Amino acid sequence: MPIHSDAYLKKMGQTIPLGRLGAPQDVASAVLFLASEEAGYITGQQIVVDGGQVLPEGLEAPD
């Protein structure tokens, strides 16, 4: 199966707890939040935007 085929991308998306691959908008939303006043008290944090990919095994995706 070619790595960029629709079938491959769909299969990869199914391995992510949120059930889909990330999109540029997902990262942009996090960046916009961090640049906003609402994030003004956040310092020195690593923000992971991965749809839950790094969650420990055994946790299920939300409904």
Protein backbone atom coordinates (compact mmCIF):
# COMPACT_ATOMS: atom_id res chain seq x y z
CA MET A 1 0.00 0.00 0.00
CA PRO A 2 1.61 3.32 -1.04
CA ILE A 3 2.39 5.53 1.96
CA HIS A 4 0.33 8.47 0.65
CA SER A 5 -2.67 6.50 -0.59
CA ASP A 6 -6.10 7.34 0.79
CA ALA A 7 -6.37 3.82 2.23
CA TYR A 8 -3.05 4.18 4.08
CA LEU A 9 -3.94 7.61 5.48
CA LYS A 10 -7.35 6.32 6.62
CA LYS A 11 -5.71 3.34 8.32
CA MET A 12 -3.19 5.60 10.07
CA GLY A 13 -5.99 7.90 11.24
CA GLN A 14 -7.70 4.93 12.86
CA THR A 15 -4.64 4.39 15.10
CA ILE A 16 -5.13 7.81 16.71
CA PRO A 17 -7.52 7.96 19.69
CA LEU A 18 -9.49 10.85 18.15
CA GLY A 19 -9.91 8.74 15.01
CA ARG A 20 -8.31 11.00 12.41
CA LEU A 21 -5.02 12.43 11.27
CA GLY A 22 -4.17 15.94 12.36
CA ALA A 23 -4.56 18.91 10.06
CA PRO A 24 -2.69 22.22 9.91
CA GLN A 25 -5.75 23.86 11.50
CA ASP A 26 -5.27 21.69 14.61
CA VAL A 27 -1.79 23.11 15.19
CA ALA A 28 -2.89 26.63 14.22
CA SER A 29 -5.65 26.52 16.83
CA ALA A 30 -3.15 25.64 19.56
CA VAL A 31 -0.78 28.40 18.43
CA LEU A 32 -3.58 30.98 18.37
CA PHE A 33 -4.65 29.96 21.87
CA LEU A 34 -1.08 30.21 23.20
CA ALA A 35 -0.76 33.66 21.63
CA SER A 36 -4.00 34.84 23.23
CA GLU A 37 -4.62 36.55 26.56
CA GLU A 38 -6.36 33.38 27.79
CA ALA A 39 -2.97 31.63 27.80
CA GLY A 40 -1.22 34.51 29.55
CA TYR A 41 -0.41 32.48 32.67
CA ILE A 42 0.97 29.44 30.83
CA THR A 43 4.75 29.22 31.00
CA GLY A 44 7.33 26.58 30.17
CA GLN A 45 4.94 23.89 28.98
CA GLN A 46 5.17 21.37 26.21
CA ILE A 47 1.86 21.37 24.37
CA VAL A 48 1.33 18.15 22.41
CA VAL A 49 -1.09 18.44 19.49
CA ASP A 50 -1.42 14.81 18.40
CA GLY A 51 -5.02 13.70 18.84
CA GLY A 52 -4.04 11.56 21.82
CA GLN A 53 -1.37 9.54 20.01
CA VAL A 54 0.99 9.61 23.02
CA LEU A 55 -1.67 8.46 25.50
CA PRO A 56 -0.79 5.25 27.34
CA GLU A 57 -2.21 2.11 25.79
CA GLY A 58 -5.49 0.95 27.24
CA LEU A 59 -7.25 4.30 27.21
CA GLU A 60 -10.15 4.56 24.82
CA ALA A 61 -11.16 7.46 22.60
CA PRO A 62 -13.98 9.68 23.85
CA ASP A 63 -17.45 9.16 22.39
